[in-house]
Protein backbone atom coordinates (compact mmCIF):
# COMPACT_ATOMS: atom_id res chain seq x y z
CA UNK A 1 21.45 39.29 113.84
CA UNK A 2 21.91 42.40 116.33
CA UNK A 3 25.04 44.32 116.15
CA UNK A 4 27.81 44.09 118.82
CA UNK A 5 29.95 47.22 119.76
CA UNK A 6 33.26 46.33 121.27
CA UNK A 7 34.89 49.30 123.40
CA UNK A 8 38.08 49.59 124.64
CA UNK A 9 38.30 51.01 128.09
CA UNK A 10 41.93 51.95 127.82
CA UNK A 11 44.56 51.12 130.34
CA UNK A 12 43.30 52.35 133.50
CA UNK A 13 42.68 56.31 134.06
CA UNK A 14 38.79 57.60 133.48
CA UNK A 15 40.80 60.47 131.39
CA UNK A 16 42.16 57.74 128.88
CA UNK A 17 38.26 56.99 127.77
CA UNK A 18 37.93 58.24 124.45
CA UNK A 19 34.68 60.45 123.11
CA UNK A 20 33.81 57.33 120.95
CA UNK A 21 33.90 54.88 123.82
CA UNK A 22 32.05 57.41 126.18
CA UNK A 23 29.27 58.06 123.46
CA UNK A 24 28.57 54.19 123.07
CA UNK A 25 28.57 53.58 126.85
CA UNK A 26 26.14 56.07 127.08
CA UNK A 27 24.06 55.03 123.89
CA UNK A 28 21.47 53.07 126.36
CA UNK A 29 22.40 49.98 124.93
CA UNK A 30 23.33 46.91 127.22
CA UNK A 31 26.95 46.90 128.55
CA UNK A 32 28.72 44.07 129.25
CA UNK A 33 32.33 44.18 130.65
CA UNK A 34 34.63 41.27 130.82
CA UNK A 35 35.78 42.25 134.31
CA UNK A 36 34.71 44.87 136.96
CA UNK A 37 38.54 44.73 138.13
CA UNK A 38 39.13 47.95 136.21
CA UNK A 39 39.16 51.65 137.31
CA UNK A 40 37.17 53.11 134.64
CA UNK A 41 34.50 50.64 136.12
CA UNK A 42 33.93 53.75 138.30
CA UNK A 43 32.89 56.05 135.41
CA UNK A 44 29.98 53.71 135.32
CA UNK A 45 28.94 53.76 139.02
CA UNK A 46 29.24 57.60 139.13
CA UNK A 47 27.04 58.30 136.11
CA UNK A 48 24.83 55.10 137.37
CA UNK A 49 25.04 53.29 134.16
CA UNK A 50 24.05 49.89 134.30
CA UNK A 51 26.58 47.11 133.75
CA UNK A 52 26.65 43.31 133.81
CA UNK A 53 30.41 41.80 134.24
CA UNK A 54 31.46 38.06 133.62
CA UNK A 55 33.50 37.94 136.78
CA UNK A 56 31.89 35.09 138.02
CA UNK A 57 32.52 32.92 134.78
CA UNK A 58 36.44 33.27 135.81
CA UNK A 59 35.38 31.93 139.48
CA UNK A 60 33.50 28.85 137.85
CA UNK A 61 35.66 28.14 135.20
CA UNK A 62 38.87 25.57 135.03
CA UNK A 63 41.05 27.60 132.62
CA UNK A 64 41.06 30.90 130.72
CA UNK A 65 40.14 29.21 127.42
CA UNK A 66 36.99 27.94 129.09
CA UNK A 67 36.51 31.62 130.32
CA UNK A 68 36.94 33.09 127.08
CA UNK A 69 34.94 30.91 125.35
CA UNK A 70 31.82 30.70 127.71
CA UNK A 71 32.01 34.85 127.50
CA UNK A 72 31.75 34.71 123.65
CA UNK A 73 29.03 32.21 123.89
CA UNK A 74 27.05 34.67 126.59
CA UNK A 75 27.37 37.49 124.23
CA UNK A 76 26.25 35.55 121.16
CA UNK A 77 23.24 34.51 122.77
CA UNK A 78 22.29 38.19 124.03
CA UNK A 79 22.57 39.10 120.09
CA UNK A 80 20.42 36.55 118.87
CA UNK A 81 17.65 38.58 121.26
CA UNK A 82 17.90 41.10 118.55
CA UNK A 83 19.03 44.01 120.29
CA UNK A 84 22.28 45.95 119.43
CA UNK A 85 24.84 45.33 122.87
CA UNK A 86 28.14 46.83 123.99
CA UNK A 87 30.86 44.45 125.09
CA UNK A 88 33.72 46.32 127.03
CA UNK A 89 37.18 45.21 127.52
CA UNK A 90 40.41 46.63 129.43
CA UNK A 91 42.72 48.50 127.00
CA UNK A 92 42.31 48.00 123.09
CA UNK A 93 39.99 45.61 121.83
CA UNK A 94 42.62 44.55 119.26
CA UNK A 95 45.33 44.03 121.76
CA UNK A 96 45.62 40.56 124.03
CA UNK A 97 41.74 40.40 124.25
CA UNK A 98 40.93 36.62 123.32
CA UNK A 99 37.26 37.23 123.53
CA UNK A 100 37.33 39.61 120.97
CA UNK A 101 39.54 37.05 118.66
CA UNK A 102 36.99 34.71 118.93
CA UNK A 103 34.13 36.76 118.33
CA UNK A 104 35.75 38.14 115.28
CA UNK A 105 36.25 34.33 114.28
CA UNK A 106 32.57 33.83 114.38
CA UNK A 107 31.62 36.40 111.40
CA UNK A 108 29.18 38.52 113.85
CA UNK A 109 28.26 42.08 113.04
CA UNK A 110 30.86 43.95 114.98
CA UNK A 111 31.68 47.21 115.20
CA UNK A 112 35.39 48.30 117.31
CA UNK A 113 35.67 51.33 119.44
CA UNK A 114 39.18 51.68 119.95
CA UNK A 115 41.06 52.67 122.83
CA UNK A 116 44.14 53.26 124.23
CA UNK A 117 45.83 50.17 125.02
CA UNK A 118 48.27 49.13 128.21
CA UNK A 119 51.35 49.32 125.87
CA UNK A 120 51.28 53.26 125.46
CA UNK A 121 51.69 53.97 129.31
CA UNK A 122 54.17 51.34 129.69
CA UNK A 123 56.46 53.02 126.91
CA UNK A 124 56.27 55.96 128.38
CA UNK A 125 57.41 54.46 132.15
CA UNK A 126 60.04 52.69 130.56
CA UNK A 127 61.02 55.11 127.99
CA UNK A 128 61.73 52.87 125.02
CA UNK A 129 60.90 53.30 121.41
CA UNK A 130 59.22 50.36 120.11
CA UNK A 131 60.72 51.53 116.51
CA UNK A 132 63.51 49.68 117.69
CA UNK A 133 61.95 46.24 118.15
CA UNK A 134 59.54 44.98 120.51
CA UNK A 135 57.58 41.86 120.88
CA UNK A 136 54.94 41.73 123.33
CA UNK A 137 53.88 37.83 124.75
CA UNK A 138 51.60 36.08 126.88
CA UNK A 139 52.99 35.05 130.09
CA UNK A 140 50.39 31.92 130.45
CA UNK A 141 52.14 30.66 127.57
CA UNK A 142 55.08 32.14 127.67
CA UNK A 143 58.26 29.63 127.08
CA UNK A 144 62.28 29.96 126.57
CA UNK A 145 61.43 29.74 122.60
CA UNK A 146 59.77 33.13 122.69
CA UNK A 147 62.73 34.97 123.72
CA UNK A 148 64.22 37.20 121.33
CA UNK A 149 67.26 38.97 122.93
CA UNK A 150 67.88 41.46 120.11
CA UNK A 151 64.24 42.90 120.77
CA UNK A 152 62.80 44.32 124.10
CA UNK A 153 60.14 42.18 125.21
CA UNK A 154 56.64 42.98 127.38
CA UNK A 155 55.11 40.20 128.62
CA UNK A 156 51.49 40.52 129.89
CA UNK A 157 48.91 38.40 131.83
CA UNK A 158 51.17 37.89 135.10
CA UNK A 159 48.91 38.35 137.22
CA UNK A 160 50.03 36.01 140.16
CA UNK A 161 53.26 34.78 141.92
CA UNK A 162 52.78 31.21 140.40
CA UNK A 163 53.05 33.15 136.78
CA UNK A 164 55.69 35.00 137.40
CA UNK A 165 57.70 32.33 139.53
CA UNK A 166 57.49 30.22 135.87
CA UNK A 167 58.70 33.43 133.73
CA UNK A 168 61.54 33.91 136.41
CA UNK A 169 62.88 30.52 135.82
CA UNK A 170 62.88 30.96 132.14
CA UNK A 171 64.36 34.28 131.94
CA UNK A 172 67.08 33.24 134.40
CA UNK A 173 68.20 30.41 132.12
CA UNK A 174 68.79 32.72 129.22
CA UNK A 175 69.60 36.41 130.75
CA UNK A 176 71.02 34.88 134.18
CA UNK A 177 69.46 35.89 137.38
CA UNK A 178 71.31 38.83 137.96
CA UNK A 179 69.68 40.77 134.36
CA UNK A 180 67.99 43.77 135.43
CA UNK A 181 64.17 44.19 134.17
CA UNK A 182 61.16 46.46 134.46
CA UNK A 183 58.52 45.18 137.11
CA UNK A 184 55.17 47.26 136.01
CA UNK A 185 51.96 47.79 137.79
CA UNK A 186 48.86 50.15 137.03
CA UNK A 187 50.39 51.93 134.07
CA UNK A 188 48.35 54.80 132.99
CA UNK A 189 46.89 54.99 136.29
CA UNK A 190 47.63 58.43 137.97
CA UNK A 191 49.19 57.97 141.64
CA UNK A 192 49.27 53.88 141.72
CA UNK A 193 51.70 53.42 138.78
CA UNK A 194 54.53 51.33 139.58
CA UNK A 195 58.01 50.87 137.52
CA UNK A 196 60.42 49.07 139.35
CA UNK A 197 63.91 48.14 138.46
CA UNK A 198 64.73 44.32 139.92
CA UNK A 199 66.82 41.63 138.97
CA UNK A 200 65.25 38.52 137.61
CA UNK A 201 65.76 36.41 140.79
CA UNK A 202 63.33 38.76 142.64
CA UNK A 203 60.47 38.90 140.27
CA UNK A 204 58.31 36.52 142.62
CA UNK A 205 59.42 38.27 145.79
CA UNK A 206 57.71 41.93 145.35
CA UNK A 207 54.34 43.11 146.06
CA UNK A 208 51.29 41.25 145.12
CA UNK A 209 50.73 41.19 141.29
CA UNK A 210 47.25 42.02 139.48
CA UNK A 211 45.46 42.17 136.16
CA UNK A 212 47.74 45.05 135.57
CA UNK A 213 50.85 43.87 135.88
CA UNK A 214 53.61 43.33 133.23
CA UNK A 215 57.33 42.68 133.00
CA UNK A 216 59.44 44.60 130.35
CA UNK A 217 62.89 43.14 129.27
CA UNK A 218 65.24 45.33 127.67
CA UNK A 219 67.12 43.93 124.66
CA UNK A 220 70.47 42.78 125.03
CA UNK A 221 72.80 45.89 123.78
CA UNK A 222 75.73 45.10 121.64
CA UNK A 223 78.00 46.98 123.48
CA UNK A 224 77.66 44.46 126.46
CA UNK A 225 77.38 41.34 124.35
CA UNK A 226 77.66 38.25 126.84
CA UNK A 227 74.65 36.20 125.29
CA UNK A 228 74.19 35.23 122.04
CA UNK A 229 71.28 33.80 120.15
CA UNK A 230 70.99 31.98 116.57
CA UNK A 231 70.59 35.37 114.61
CA UNK A 232 73.93 36.61 116.34
CA UNK A 233 75.85 33.73 114.95
CA UNK A 234 74.31 34.11 111.42
CA UNK A 235 75.30 37.99 111.70
CA UNK A 236 79.09 36.86 113.12
CA UNK A 237 79.22 34.36 110.03
CA UNK A 238 78.34 37.06 107.78
CA UNK A 239 80.66 39.05 108.82
CA UNK A 240 83.65 36.80 108.74
CA UNK A 241 82.62 35.91 105.14
CA UNK A 242 82.87 39.54 104.13
CA UNK A 243 85.39 41.64 102.51
CA UNK A 244 86.24 43.10 105.70
CA UNK A 245 85.96 39.72 107.75
CA UNK A 246 88.59 36.71 108.29
CA UNK A 247 90.54 35.46 104.55
CA UNK A 248 90.44 32.25 105.93
CA UNK A 249 86.92 31.74 106.43
CA UNK A 250 86.17 33.67 103.09
CA UNK A 251 88.46 31.00 100.98
CA UNK A 252 86.42 28.22 102.69
CA UNK A 253 84.06 25.71 100.44
CA UNK A 254 81.58 23.10 100.96
CA UNK A 255 84.38 20.58 99.85
CA UNK A 256 87.19 22.36 101.94
CA UNK A 257 85.42 22.16 105.47
CA UNK A 258 83.14 18.92 104.78
CA UNK A 259 85.47 16.90 106.88
CA UNK A 260 85.23 19.50 109.74
CA UNK A 261 81.64 18.14 110.21
CA UNK A 262 82.31 14.58 110.59
CA UNK A 263 85.09 15.44 113.16
CA UNK A 264 82.85 17.91 115.22
CA UNK A 265 80.03 15.31 115.27
CA UNK A 266 82.72 12.74 116.71
CA UNK A 267 83.80 15.12 119.15
CA UNK A 268 80.35 15.96 120.71
CA UNK A 269 79.72 12.14 120.83
CA UNK A 270 82.92 11.84 122.85
CA UNK A 271 81.88 14.77 125.24
CA UNK A 272 78.09 13.34 125.63
CA UNK A 273 80.38 9.91 126.60
CA UNK A 274 82.30 11.61 129.15
CA UNK A 275 79.05 13.33 130.46
CA UNK A 276 80.98 16.60 130.17
CA UNK A 277 78.19 19.27 130.16
CA UNK A 278 80.74 22.16 129.22
CA UNK A 279 82.19 20.10 126.69
CA UNK A 280 78.65 18.97 125.45
CA UNK A 281 77.75 22.92 125.31
CA UNK A 282 81.10 23.69 123.44
CA UNK A 283 80.72 20.77 120.83
CA UNK A 284 77.01 21.21 119.86
CA UNK A 285 78.24 24.80 119.05
CA UNK A 286 81.18 23.50 116.82
CA UNK A 287 78.15 21.20 114.91
CA UNK A 288 75.90 24.16 114.63
CA UNK A 289 78.80 26.16 113.39
CA UNK A 290 79.23 23.88 110.13
CA UNK A 291 75.60 24.05 109.69
CA UNK A 292 75.52 27.76 109.64
CA UNK A 293 78.99 27.95 107.53
CA UNK A 294 77.67 25.78 104.79
CA UNK A 295 74.32 27.69 104.20
CA UNK A 296 76.28 31.04 104.22
CA UNK A 297 78.42 29.56 101.46
CA UNK A 298 75.35 28.55 99.54
CA UNK A 299 73.86 31.84 100.24
CA UNK A 300 76.53 33.50 98.65
CA UNK A 301 76.41 30.85 95.81
CA UNK A 302 72.84 31.48 95.40
CA UNK A 303 71.69 27.82 95.80
CA UNK A 304 70.07 27.85 99.11
CA UNK A 305 70.01 29.66 102.55
CA UNK A 306 69.84 28.64 106.23
CA UNK A 307 65.64 29.50 105.81
CA UNK A 308 65.73 26.57 103.17
CA UNK A 309 67.30 24.53 105.92
CA UNK A 310 64.92 25.15 108.69
CA UNK A 311 62.39 24.75 106.71
CA UNK A 312 63.20 21.60 104.94
CA UNK A 313 64.01 20.08 108.46
CA UNK A 314 60.45 21.41 109.82
CA UNK A 315 58.42 19.99 107.04
CA UNK A 316 59.97 16.66 107.53
CA UNK A 317 59.68 16.58 111.32
CA UNK A 318 55.96 17.36 110.85
CA UNK A 319 55.76 14.80 107.64
CA UNK A 320 57.24 11.86 110.05
CA UNK A 321 54.93 12.81 112.97
CA UNK A 322 51.62 12.29 111.82
CA UNK A 323 50.81 10.91 115.33
CA UNK A 324 51.53 14.22 116.92
CA UNK A 325 50.90 16.88 113.97
CA UNK A 326 48.18 15.46 111.94
CA UNK A 327 44.51 16.57 112.41
CA UNK A 328 43.28 14.27 110.10
CA UNK A 329 41.40 10.53 109.94
CA UNK A 330 44.91 9.23 109.16
CA UNK A 331 46.06 10.40 112.46
CA UNK A 332 47.22 7.03 114.07
CA UNK A 333 48.13 6.67 117.98
CA UNK A 334 51.34 4.60 118.00
CA UNK A 335 51.73 2.16 120.94
CA UNK A 336 55.59 2.68 121.77
CA UNK A 337 58.79 4.08 120.34
CA UNK A 338 59.20 0.96 118.05
CA UNK A 339 56.14 1.62 116.50
CA UNK A 340 56.92 5.51 115.85
CA UNK A 341 60.43 4.27 114.39
CA UNK A 342 58.86 1.88 111.98
CA UNK A 343 56.42 4.63 110.79
CA UNK A 344 59.07 7.17 110.47
CA UNK A 345 61.03 4.71 108.27
CA UNK A 346 57.97 4.10 106.45
CA UNK A 347 57.18 7.54 105.76
CA UNK A 348 61.25 8.32 104.75
CA UNK A 349 61.16 5.45 102.31
CA UNK A 350 57.71 6.37 100.66
CA UNK A 351 58.99 10.33 100.42
CA UNK A 352 62.04 9.00 98.40
CA UNK A 353 60.28 6.56 96.18
CA UNK A 354 62.13 3.29 96.67
CA UNK A 355 60.98 0.55 94.64
CA UNK A 356 62.79 -2.36 96.28
CA UNK A 357 64.28 -3.21 99.74
CA UNK A 358 68.27 -2.86 98.06
CA UNK A 359 67.27 0.64 97.13
CA UNK A 360 66.91 1.12 100.85
CA UNK A 361 70.11 -0.38 101.80
CA UNK A 362 72.19 1.56 99.02
CA UNK A 363 70.54 4.68 100.55
CA UNK A 364 72.64 3.95 103.97
CA UNK A 365 75.67 5.80 102.98
CA UNK A 366 78.19 8.51 104.19
CA UNK A 367 78.29 6.94 107.57
CA UNK A 368 81.73 5.66 109.26
CA UNK A 369 81.79 1.69 107.99
CA UNK A 370 81.09 0.54 111.87
CA UNK A 371 77.93 2.34 111.95
CA UNK A 372 76.97 1.92 108.51
CA UNK A 373 77.28 -1.99 108.46
CA UNK A 374 75.36 -1.80 111.93
CA UNK A 375 72.31 0.37 110.17
CA UNK A 376 72.33 -2.18 107.01
CA UNK A 377 72.11 -5.40 109.03
CA UNK A 378 69.42 -3.54 111.20
CA UNK A 379 67.40 -2.87 108.15
CA UNK A 380 67.82 -6.30 106.44
CA UNK A 381 66.78 -7.57 109.56
CA UNK A 382 63.64 -5.84 109.62
CA UNK A 383 62.32 -8.48 106.58
CA UNK A 384 63.57 -11.16 108.47
CA UNK A 385 66.96 -11.87 106.96
CA UNK A 386 68.67 -12.60 110.35
CA UNK A 387 70.18 -15.27 112.93
CA UNK A 388 67.65 -17.06 114.63
CA UNK A 389 69.57 -16.84 117.77
CA UNK A 390 72.84 -15.55 119.32
CA UNK A 391 75.15 -18.81 118.14
CA UNK A 392 74.37 -17.81 114.43
CA UNK A 393 76.87 -14.53 114.70
CA UNK A 394 79.31 -15.86 117.10
CA UNK A 395 79.81 -19.26 114.77
CA UNK A 396 79.88 -16.93 111.87
CA UNK A 397 82.68 -14.94 113.74
CA UNK A 398 84.70 -18.27 114.33
CA UNK A 399 84.09 -19.27 110.38
CA UNK A 400 85.60 -15.82 109.13
CA UNK A 401 88.38 -16.15 111.73
CA UNK A 402 89.94 -19.20 110.11
CA UNK A 403 88.80 -18.07 106.79
CA UNK A 404 91.63 -15.13 107.75
CA UNK A 405 94.13 -17.76 109.21
CA UNK A 406 93.80 -19.52 105.72
CA UNK A 407 94.36 -16.35 103.57
CA UNK A 408 97.34 -15.93 105.38
CA UNK A 409 99.04 -18.95 105.35
CA UNK A 410 98.36 -19.39 101.98
CA UNK A 411 99.62 -15.89 101.21
CA UNK A 412 96.53 -15.25 99.21
CA UNK A 413 97.62 -11.54 98.40
CA UNK A 414 96.38 -8.19 100.41
CA UNK A 415 93.14 -8.51 98.25
CA UNK A 416 91.90 -11.67 99.66
CA UNK A 417 93.14 -11.13 103.14
CA UNK A 418 91.49 -7.38 103.16
CA UNK A 419 88.29 -9.29 102.04
CA UNK A 420 88.38 -11.66 104.88
CA UNK A 421 89.02 -8.89 107.53
CA UNK A 422 86.00 -6.90 106.52
CA UNK A 423 84.24 -10.08 106.69
CA UNK A 424 84.98 -10.92 110.31
CA UNK A 425 84.62 -6.79 111.28
CA UNK A 426 81.16 -7.14 109.49
CA UNK A 427 80.34 -10.54 111.76
CA UNK A 428 81.50 -8.45 114.82
CA UNK A 429 78.95 -5.87 114.27
CA UNK A 430 76.30 -8.14 113.65
CA UNK A 431 77.36 -9.84 117.17
CA UNK A 432 77.04 -6.43 118.40
CA UNK A 433 73.87 -5.80 116.82
CA UNK A 434 72.25 -8.75 118.23
CA UNK A 435 73.32 -7.86 121.73
CA UNK A 436 72.09 -4.45 121.11
CA UNK A 437 75.54 -3.05 121.45
CA UNK A 438 76.34 0.13 119.25
CA UNK A 439 79.56 -1.21 117.78
CA UNK A 440 81.05 2.48 116.81
CA UNK A 441 80.63 3.14 121.23
CA UNK A 442 82.10 0.14 121.74
CA UNK A 443 85.20 0.56 119.71
CA UNK A 444 85.67 3.73 121.20
CA UNK A 445 85.49 2.60 124.37
CA UNK A 446 88.09 0.06 123.58
CA UNK A 447 90.24 2.92 122.24
CA UNK A 448 90.33 4.97 125.29
CA UNK A 449 91.19 1.96 127.32
CA UNK A 450 94.07 1.42 125.02
CA UNK A 451 95.10 4.83 125.95
CA UNK A 452 94.74 4.85 129.44
CA UNK A 453 96.93 1.70 129.73
CA UNK A 454 99.63 2.82 127.45
CA UNK A 455 99.75 6.20 129.16
CA UNK A 456 100.15 3.62 132.53
CA UNK A 457 103.19 2.44 130.83
CA UNK A 458 104.76 5.99 130.06
CA UNK A 459 104.30 6.96 133.70
CA UNK A 460 106.12 3.91 134.83
CA UNK A 461 108.81 4.73 132.44
CA UNK A 462 108.91 8.35 133.74
CA UNK A 463 109.82 7.16 136.97
CA UNK A 464 112.09 4.31 136.04
CA UNK A 465 113.95 7.57 134.18
CA UNK A 466 113.53 5.68 131.00
CA UNK A 467 112.57 6.95 127.21
CA UNK A 468 109.54 4.34 126.03
CA UNK A 469 112.23 3.47 123.49
CA UNK A 470 114.66 2.01 125.88
CA UNK A 471 111.90 -0.06 127.02
CA UNK A 472 111.80 -3.85 126.19
CA UNK A 473 108.46 -5.33 124.94
CA UNK A 474 108.59 -7.66 128.00
CA UNK A 475 109.04 -4.76 130.29
CA UNK A 476 106.12 -2.82 128.79
CA UNK A 477 103.77 -6.09 128.90
CA UNK A 478 104.36 -6.25 132.45
CA UNK A 479 103.20 -2.65 133.07
CA UNK A 480 100.14 -3.45 130.54
CA UNK A 481 99.31 -6.35 132.69
CA UNK A 482 99.76 -4.12 135.76
CA UNK A 483 97.30 -1.18 134.09
CA UNK A 484 94.75 -4.01 133.50
CA UNK A 485 94.65 -5.15 137.02
CA UNK A 486 94.19 -1.36 137.91
């Protein structure tokens, strides 16, 4: 098969064409341009050099993915005619050129003629050195997970108002609407360059963007830090555990802070129940702190690190979601969320190599008793060990109630009474499960209700200039009943 010369046209100015590029352009081979919407096309017109552009493909295709594939197909068909050809692209062929990537994957006979990319003139405009960290992102697929506030970011492919509007919303969520970024257009084209510092909220309100429009977002400097990312928290924890850090943090072990994991999780749940958005943000941060704290301790001990945690989690999520990530014949389109949960459990039990159902039940541990009993009962019900209807758990509660009374009246001892109380609690959880009510949430709601009513009693005591200790039980009951009415 013939050879394809892929030639970089530089960022815009004809003066940026390399000597190698000029030599190949004037070689007499057929010239194919990805687009003629580029200033260096004037060189072809002035020199009367024939070329064919692929702009019509952009107009006929539904998306850019189709455009790039179609262009690659056209070039491959041309090569099959047996003659070498030139394929000319803006900037550098190896920088942000999807058609070049596709051609390289096809194992064709290719020679790359490098060119100045759009990056160099942009760096000159913003006067930033990439050695301090620079990431280059595609605006067409940009999302919030791409953001790294500790590095400068150059976003390309922002050639219309719709793309700019979408990017504006995402950047505003992280950096804030007033954060100043650079809006850049026609970098490298003498007399036409635009480098404007503007707040994020104005990104889609300025002059019409074009194919040579980019955004440059400077990193968050440490001296003016009011936004922190995951890496920042890792750095802070490393500092706190260092010799120059906090003596309390340095003294902690897995054992000493293990209860905090439970406490923070419950406080996060409480904020969710209260629909307290700021509280949810703060409490989720506290939960994340526990993960980072344990990971830092383990790293210092040489047992594991935060990347072991995230890698294990990532692998587990992919393994347990074959209906999303699998590309094999085993991929299964699950019908609904119940099917998905069932499949999750099957994969979980397979990975842990359980031989019996009892092993599955024993594996439900490390949870508060109400939640553990709920999950054990739910798991047992999956194999049919369950009541036929709601009358079953109701009658069981009645039965356990009378057994408690009998144990108390017969002075059967604390062990027997404790056992019967456990049985009735277990039975109440069973009823909750049957009614699809989370017993943990239900009990927590009752606790909060008790506190609210008790607070009412205390408020009434204050109005009567009494201490709670001075009130009779009858008075307290009267105010309790009034609180229930309220």
